[in-house]
Amino acid sequence: MNKATTKNDYPIETDHEAEEQDDLRSEYDFSDGVRGKHYRAYRRGHQVKIYKDDGRISVQNFKLEEGAVFLEPDIQPYFPNSDAVNEALRGLIALIPKREKQAA
């Protein structure tokens, strides 16, 4: 997915995506929205409450799985999937000099 980035490195819409959003209802007003407002909180983990019609509340907790890595928006276009990230990191690992065992 190719997206341009803004000064704050948050993805912005392409012309194609803007066309898809033209069908939003007029009562939806996101003009005061703040892009990335919950970004850091999402990375730490978050809770979702679902209010059921019968008055019950279902609570679901979400946390990043161990080993999960978030790519910053400016890096994502270069690494579209896990295989691309792993291949690049293996290339970097090969460049790291091997440490010699130090005499105790």
N, C-alpha and C. Protein backbone atom coordinates (compact mmCIF):
# COMPACT_ATOMS: atom_id res chain seq x y z
N MET A 1 0.85 -1.16 0.00
CA MET A 1 0.00 0.00 0.00
C MET A 1 0.90 1.22 0.00
N ASN A 2 0.86 1.98 -1.06
CA ASN A 2 1.65 3.20 -1.14
C ASN A 2 0.86 4.37 -0.61
N LYS A 3 1.42 5.03 0.40
CA LYS A 3 0.76 6.21 0.96
C LYS A 3 1.79 7.30 1.10
N ALA A 4 1.38 8.51 0.86
CA ALA A 4 2.25 9.63 1.11
C ALA A 4 2.31 9.86 2.61
N THR A 5 3.30 10.59 3.06
CA THR A 5 3.37 10.88 4.49
C THR A 5 3.33 12.38 4.71
N THR A 6 2.82 12.75 5.85
CA THR A 6 2.76 14.16 6.20
C THR A 6 4.01 14.55 6.95
N LYS A 7 4.08 15.80 7.36
CA LYS A 7 5.21 16.30 8.13
C LYS A 7 5.39 15.51 9.42
N ASN A 8 4.30 14.99 9.98
CA ASN A 8 4.35 14.23 11.23
C ASN A 8 4.54 12.74 11.00
N ASP A 9 4.79 12.33 9.76
CA ASP A 9 5.01 10.93 9.40
C ASP A 9 3.80 10.05 9.62
N TYR A 10 2.61 10.61 9.58
CA TYR A 10 1.41 9.80 9.62
C TYR A 10 0.91 9.67 8.19
N PRO A 11 0.44 8.48 7.81
CA PRO A 11 -0.03 8.31 6.43
C PRO A 11 -1.19 9.24 6.12
N ILE A 12 -1.22 9.74 4.90
CA ILE A 12 -2.36 10.53 4.44
C ILE A 12 -3.00 9.80 3.28
N GLU A 13 -4.20 10.20 2.96
CA GLU A 13 -4.95 9.50 1.93
C GLU A 13 -4.43 9.81 0.54
N THR A 14 -4.48 8.82 -0.33
CA THR A 14 -4.21 9.05 -1.73
C THR A 14 -5.52 9.49 -2.37
N ASP A 15 -5.49 9.94 -3.61
CA ASP A 15 -6.70 10.38 -4.29
C ASP A 15 -7.74 9.26 -4.34
N HIS A 16 -7.28 8.04 -4.56
CA HIS A 16 -8.19 6.90 -4.65
C HIS A 16 -8.91 6.69 -3.32
N GLU A 17 -8.18 6.78 -2.21
CA GLU A 17 -8.80 6.59 -0.91
C GLU A 17 -9.76 7.72 -0.58
N ALA A 18 -9.44 8.93 -1.00
CA ALA A 18 -10.32 10.07 -0.76
C ALA A 18 -11.65 9.86 -1.49
N GLU A 19 -11.59 9.30 -2.70
CA GLU A 19 -12.81 9.03 -3.44
C GLU A 19 -13.69 8.03 -2.71
N GLU A 20 -13.06 7.01 -2.10
CA GLU A 20 -13.82 6.00 -1.38
C GLU A 20 -14.52 6.60 -0.17
N GLN A 21 -13.97 7.65 0.42
CA GLN A 21 -14.54 8.23 1.62
C GLN A 21 -15.64 9.24 1.31
N ASP A 22 -15.86 9.55 0.06
CA ASP A 22 -16.89 10.52 -0.30
C ASP A 22 -18.29 10.06 0.07
N ASP A 23 -18.46 8.78 0.36
CA ASP A 23 -19.79 8.28 0.68
C ASP A 23 -20.11 8.35 2.18
N LEU A 24 -19.27 9.05 2.96
CA LEU A 24 -19.57 9.22 4.38
C LEU A 24 -20.83 10.06 4.56
N ARG A 25 -21.58 9.74 5.56
CA ARG A 25 -22.79 10.51 5.85
C ARG A 25 -22.42 11.91 6.30
N SER A 26 -23.30 12.85 6.05
CA SER A 26 -23.01 14.24 6.38
C SER A 26 -22.91 14.47 7.89
N GLU A 27 -23.54 13.61 8.69
CA GLU A 27 -23.47 13.80 10.15
C GLU A 27 -22.12 13.38 10.74
N TYR A 28 -21.28 12.71 9.96
CA TYR A 28 -19.95 12.35 10.43
C TYR A 28 -19.01 13.51 10.15
N ASP A 29 -18.53 14.12 11.20
CA ASP A 29 -17.63 15.27 11.05
C ASP A 29 -16.31 14.96 11.74
N PHE A 30 -15.28 14.73 10.95
CA PHE A 30 -13.96 14.43 11.49
C PHE A 30 -13.00 15.61 11.33
N SER A 31 -13.55 16.79 11.09
CA SER A 31 -12.69 17.94 10.84
C SER A 31 -11.83 18.31 12.04
N ASP A 32 -12.27 17.98 13.25
CA ASP A 32 -11.47 18.26 14.44
C ASP A 32 -10.67 17.04 14.90
N GLY A 33 -10.65 16.00 14.09
CA GLY A 33 -9.94 14.79 14.46
C GLY A 33 -8.43 15.03 14.50
N VAL A 34 -7.77 14.24 15.33
CA VAL A 34 -6.32 14.36 15.47
C VAL A 34 -5.71 13.02 15.04
N ARG A 35 -4.94 13.05 13.96
CA ARG A 35 -4.32 11.83 13.46
C ARG A 35 -3.28 11.34 14.45
N GLY A 36 -3.34 10.06 14.78
CA GLY A 36 -2.36 9.45 15.66
C GLY A 36 -2.57 9.72 17.14
N LYS A 37 -3.73 10.23 17.50
CA LYS A 37 -4.00 10.61 18.88
C LYS A 37 -3.82 9.43 19.85
N HIS A 38 -4.22 8.26 19.46
CA HIS A 38 -4.17 7.09 20.35
C HIS A 38 -3.04 6.13 19.99
N TYR A 39 -2.12 6.58 19.17
CA TYR A 39 -1.04 5.74 18.66
C TYR A 39 -0.23 5.08 19.78
N ARG A 40 0.30 5.87 20.70
CA ARG A 40 1.14 5.33 21.77
C ARG A 40 0.34 4.43 22.73
N ALA A 41 -0.87 4.85 23.05
CA ALA A 41 -1.71 4.03 23.93
C ALA A 41 -2.01 2.68 23.29
N TYR A 42 -2.25 2.67 21.99
CA TYR A 42 -2.52 1.42 21.28
C TYR A 42 -1.33 0.48 21.38
N ARG A 43 -0.13 1.04 21.27
CA ARG A 43 1.07 0.22 21.36
C ARG A 43 1.23 -0.41 22.74
N ARG A 44 0.81 0.29 23.78
CA ARG A 44 0.92 -0.23 25.15
C ARG A 44 -0.13 -1.30 25.43
N GLY A 45 -1.23 -1.26 24.72
CA GLY A 45 -2.34 -2.17 24.95
C GLY A 45 -3.58 -1.35 25.23
N HIS A 46 -4.73 -1.91 24.96
CA HIS A 46 -5.96 -1.15 25.15
C HIS A 46 -7.12 -2.08 25.47
N GLN A 47 -8.19 -1.47 25.93
CA GLN A 47 -9.38 -2.20 26.33
C GLN A 47 -10.56 -1.69 25.51
N VAL A 48 -11.38 -2.62 25.07
CA VAL A 48 -12.57 -2.27 24.31
C VAL A 48 -13.79 -2.76 25.09
N LYS A 49 -14.74 -1.85 25.33
CA LYS A 49 -15.99 -2.21 26.00
C LYS A 49 -17.10 -2.23 24.95
N ILE A 50 -17.84 -3.30 24.93
CA ILE A 50 -18.95 -3.45 23.99
C ILE A 50 -20.23 -3.47 24.81
N TYR A 51 -21.06 -2.47 24.59
CA TYR A 51 -22.32 -2.34 25.33
C TYR A 51 -23.41 -3.07 24.56
N LYS A 52 -23.94 -4.12 25.16
CA LYS A 52 -24.97 -4.95 24.51
C LYS A 52 -26.35 -4.35 24.72
N ASP A 53 -27.28 -4.72 23.85
CA ASP A 53 -28.66 -4.21 23.93
C ASP A 53 -29.35 -4.59 25.24
N ASP A 54 -28.96 -5.72 25.81
CA ASP A 54 -29.61 -6.17 27.05
C ASP A 54 -28.99 -5.55 28.31
N GLY A 55 -28.04 -4.60 28.13
CA GLY A 55 -27.44 -3.92 29.27
C GLY A 55 -26.12 -4.51 29.73
N ARG A 56 -25.77 -5.69 29.23
CA ARG A 56 -24.49 -6.29 29.60
C ARG A 56 -23.36 -5.55 28.91
N ILE A 57 -22.17 -5.60 29.53
CA ILE A 57 -20.98 -4.99 28.94
C ILE A 57 -19.93 -6.08 28.76
N SER A 58 -19.47 -6.23 27.55
CA SER A 58 -18.41 -7.19 27.25
C SER A 58 -17.10 -6.41 27.17
N VAL A 59 -16.10 -6.83 27.93
CA VAL A 59 -14.81 -6.14 27.95
C VAL A 59 -13.76 -7.04 27.32
N GLN A 60 -13.02 -6.51 26.35
CA GLN A 60 -11.94 -7.25 25.72
C GLN A 60 -10.66 -6.45 25.85
N ASN A 61 -9.60 -7.11 26.31
CA ASN A 61 -8.29 -6.47 26.46
C ASN A 61 -7.39 -6.91 25.31
N PHE A 62 -6.72 -5.96 24.73
CA PHE A 62 -5.82 -6.23 23.61
C PHE A 62 -4.43 -5.75 23.97
N LYS A 63 -3.45 -6.58 23.71
CA LYS A 63 -2.06 -6.22 23.95
C LYS A 63 -1.24 -6.82 22.82
N LEU A 64 -0.18 -6.14 22.45
CA LEU A 64 0.67 -6.69 21.40
C LEU A 64 1.24 -8.03 21.85
N GLU A 65 1.26 -8.98 20.95
CA GLU A 65 1.83 -10.28 21.27
C GLU A 65 3.33 -10.14 21.49
N GLU A 66 3.89 -11.01 22.30
CA GLU A 66 5.32 -10.97 22.54
C GLU A 66 6.06 -11.15 21.22
N GLY A 67 7.01 -10.31 20.98
CA GLY A 67 7.78 -10.37 19.74
C GLY A 67 7.19 -9.51 18.63
N ALA A 68 5.97 -8.99 18.82
CA ALA A 68 5.36 -8.14 17.80
C ALA A 68 6.14 -6.83 17.72
N VAL A 69 6.30 -6.33 16.53
CA VAL A 69 7.04 -5.10 16.30
C VAL A 69 6.18 -4.16 15.48
N PHE A 70 6.11 -2.91 15.90
CA PHE A 70 5.41 -1.88 15.13
C PHE A 70 6.42 -1.14 14.28
N LEU A 71 6.14 -1.01 13.00
CA LEU A 71 6.98 -0.20 12.14
C LEU A 71 6.44 1.22 12.10
N GLU A 72 7.32 2.19 12.14
CA GLU A 72 6.90 3.58 12.02
C GLU A 72 6.37 3.80 10.61
N PRO A 73 5.44 4.74 10.44
CA PRO A 73 4.80 4.95 9.13
C PRO A 73 5.76 5.23 7.98
N ASP A 74 6.87 5.93 8.24
CA ASP A 74 7.79 6.24 7.15
C ASP A 74 8.59 5.02 6.70
N ILE A 75 8.62 3.96 7.49
CA ILE A 75 9.37 2.75 7.16
C ILE A 75 8.48 1.72 6.47
N GLN A 76 7.20 1.73 6.76
CA GLN A 76 6.29 0.71 6.26
C GLN A 76 6.30 0.52 4.74
N PRO A 77 6.41 1.57 3.94
CA PRO A 77 6.40 1.32 2.49
C PRO A 77 7.58 0.46 2.01
N TYR A 78 8.67 0.45 2.76
CA TYR A 78 9.84 -0.33 2.36
C TYR A 78 9.76 -1.78 2.81
N PHE A 79 8.90 -2.05 3.78
CA PHE A 79 8.78 -3.39 4.34
C PHE A 79 7.31 -3.78 4.41
N PRO A 80 6.74 -4.23 3.30
CA PRO A 80 5.31 -4.50 3.24
C PRO A 80 4.84 -5.72 4.03
N ASN A 81 5.78 -6.59 4.43
CA ASN A 81 5.37 -7.78 5.17
C ASN A 81 6.51 -8.30 6.04
N SER A 82 6.24 -9.30 6.84
CA SER A 82 7.24 -9.85 7.77
C SER A 82 8.45 -10.41 7.05
N ASP A 83 8.23 -11.06 5.91
CA ASP A 83 9.36 -11.62 5.17
C ASP A 83 10.36 -10.55 4.76
N ALA A 84 9.86 -9.40 4.32
CA ALA A 84 10.74 -8.30 3.90
C ALA A 84 11.55 -7.77 5.08
N VAL A 85 10.91 -7.65 6.24
CA VAL A 85 11.61 -7.17 7.44
C VAL A 85 12.67 -8.18 7.85
N ASN A 86 12.32 -9.45 7.91
CA ASN A 86 13.27 -10.47 8.33
C ASN A 86 14.46 -10.57 7.38
N GLU A 87 14.22 -10.46 6.09
CA GLU A 87 15.30 -10.52 5.11
C GLU A 87 16.28 -9.35 5.32
N ALA A 88 15.74 -8.15 5.54
CA ALA A 88 16.59 -6.98 5.75
C ALA A 88 17.39 -7.13 7.05
N LEU A 89 16.77 -7.60 8.10
CA LEU A 89 17.48 -7.75 9.38
C LEU A 89 18.56 -8.82 9.29
N ARG A 90 18.29 -9.89 8.56
CA ARG A 90 19.33 -10.92 8.40
C ARG A 90 20.54 -10.35 7.65
N GLY A 91 20.28 -9.47 6.69
CA GLY A 91 21.37 -8.81 5.99
C GLY A 91 22.20 -7.93 6.92
N LEU A 92 21.53 -7.25 7.83
CA LEU A 92 22.25 -6.42 8.81
C LEU A 92 23.03 -7.27 9.81
N ILE A 93 22.44 -8.37 10.22
CA ILE A 93 23.12 -9.25 11.17
C ILE A 93 24.44 -9.74 10.58
N ALA A 94 24.46 -10.04 9.29
CA ALA A 94 25.68 -10.51 8.64
C ALA A 94 26.78 -9.45 8.68
N LEU A 95 26.43 -8.19 8.81
CA LEU A 95 27.42 -7.11 8.85
C LEU A 95 27.98 -6.85 10.25
N ILE A 96 27.36 -7.40 11.26
CA ILE A 96 27.81 -7.17 12.64
C ILE A 96 29.05 -8.02 12.89
N PRO A 97 30.14 -7.35 13.33
CA PRO A 97 31.36 -8.13 13.59
C PRO A 97 31.14 -9.10 14.75
N LYS A 98 31.71 -10.26 14.61
CA LYS A 98 31.58 -11.26 15.67
C LYS A 98 32.50 -10.85 16.82
N ARG A 99 31.98 -10.94 18.02
CA ARG A 99 32.77 -10.58 19.20
C ARG A 99 33.76 -11.70 19.51
N GLU A 100 34.95 -11.28 19.81
CA GLU A 100 35.94 -12.26 20.24
C GLU A 100 35.76 -12.53 21.72
N LYS A 101 35.96 -13.74 22.13
CA LYS A 101 35.82 -14.07 23.53
C LYS A 101 36.91 -13.34 24.30
N GLN A 102 36.50 -12.63 25.32
CA GLN A 102 37.46 -11.90 26.13
C GLN A 102 38.04 -12.82 27.20
N ALA A 103 39.30 -12.64 27.43
CA ALA A 103 39.96 -13.47 28.48
C ALA A 103 39.47 -13.03 29.84
N ALA A 104 39.15 -13.96 30.67
CA ALA A 104 38.64 -13.63 32.00
C ALA A 104 39.76 -13.36 32.97
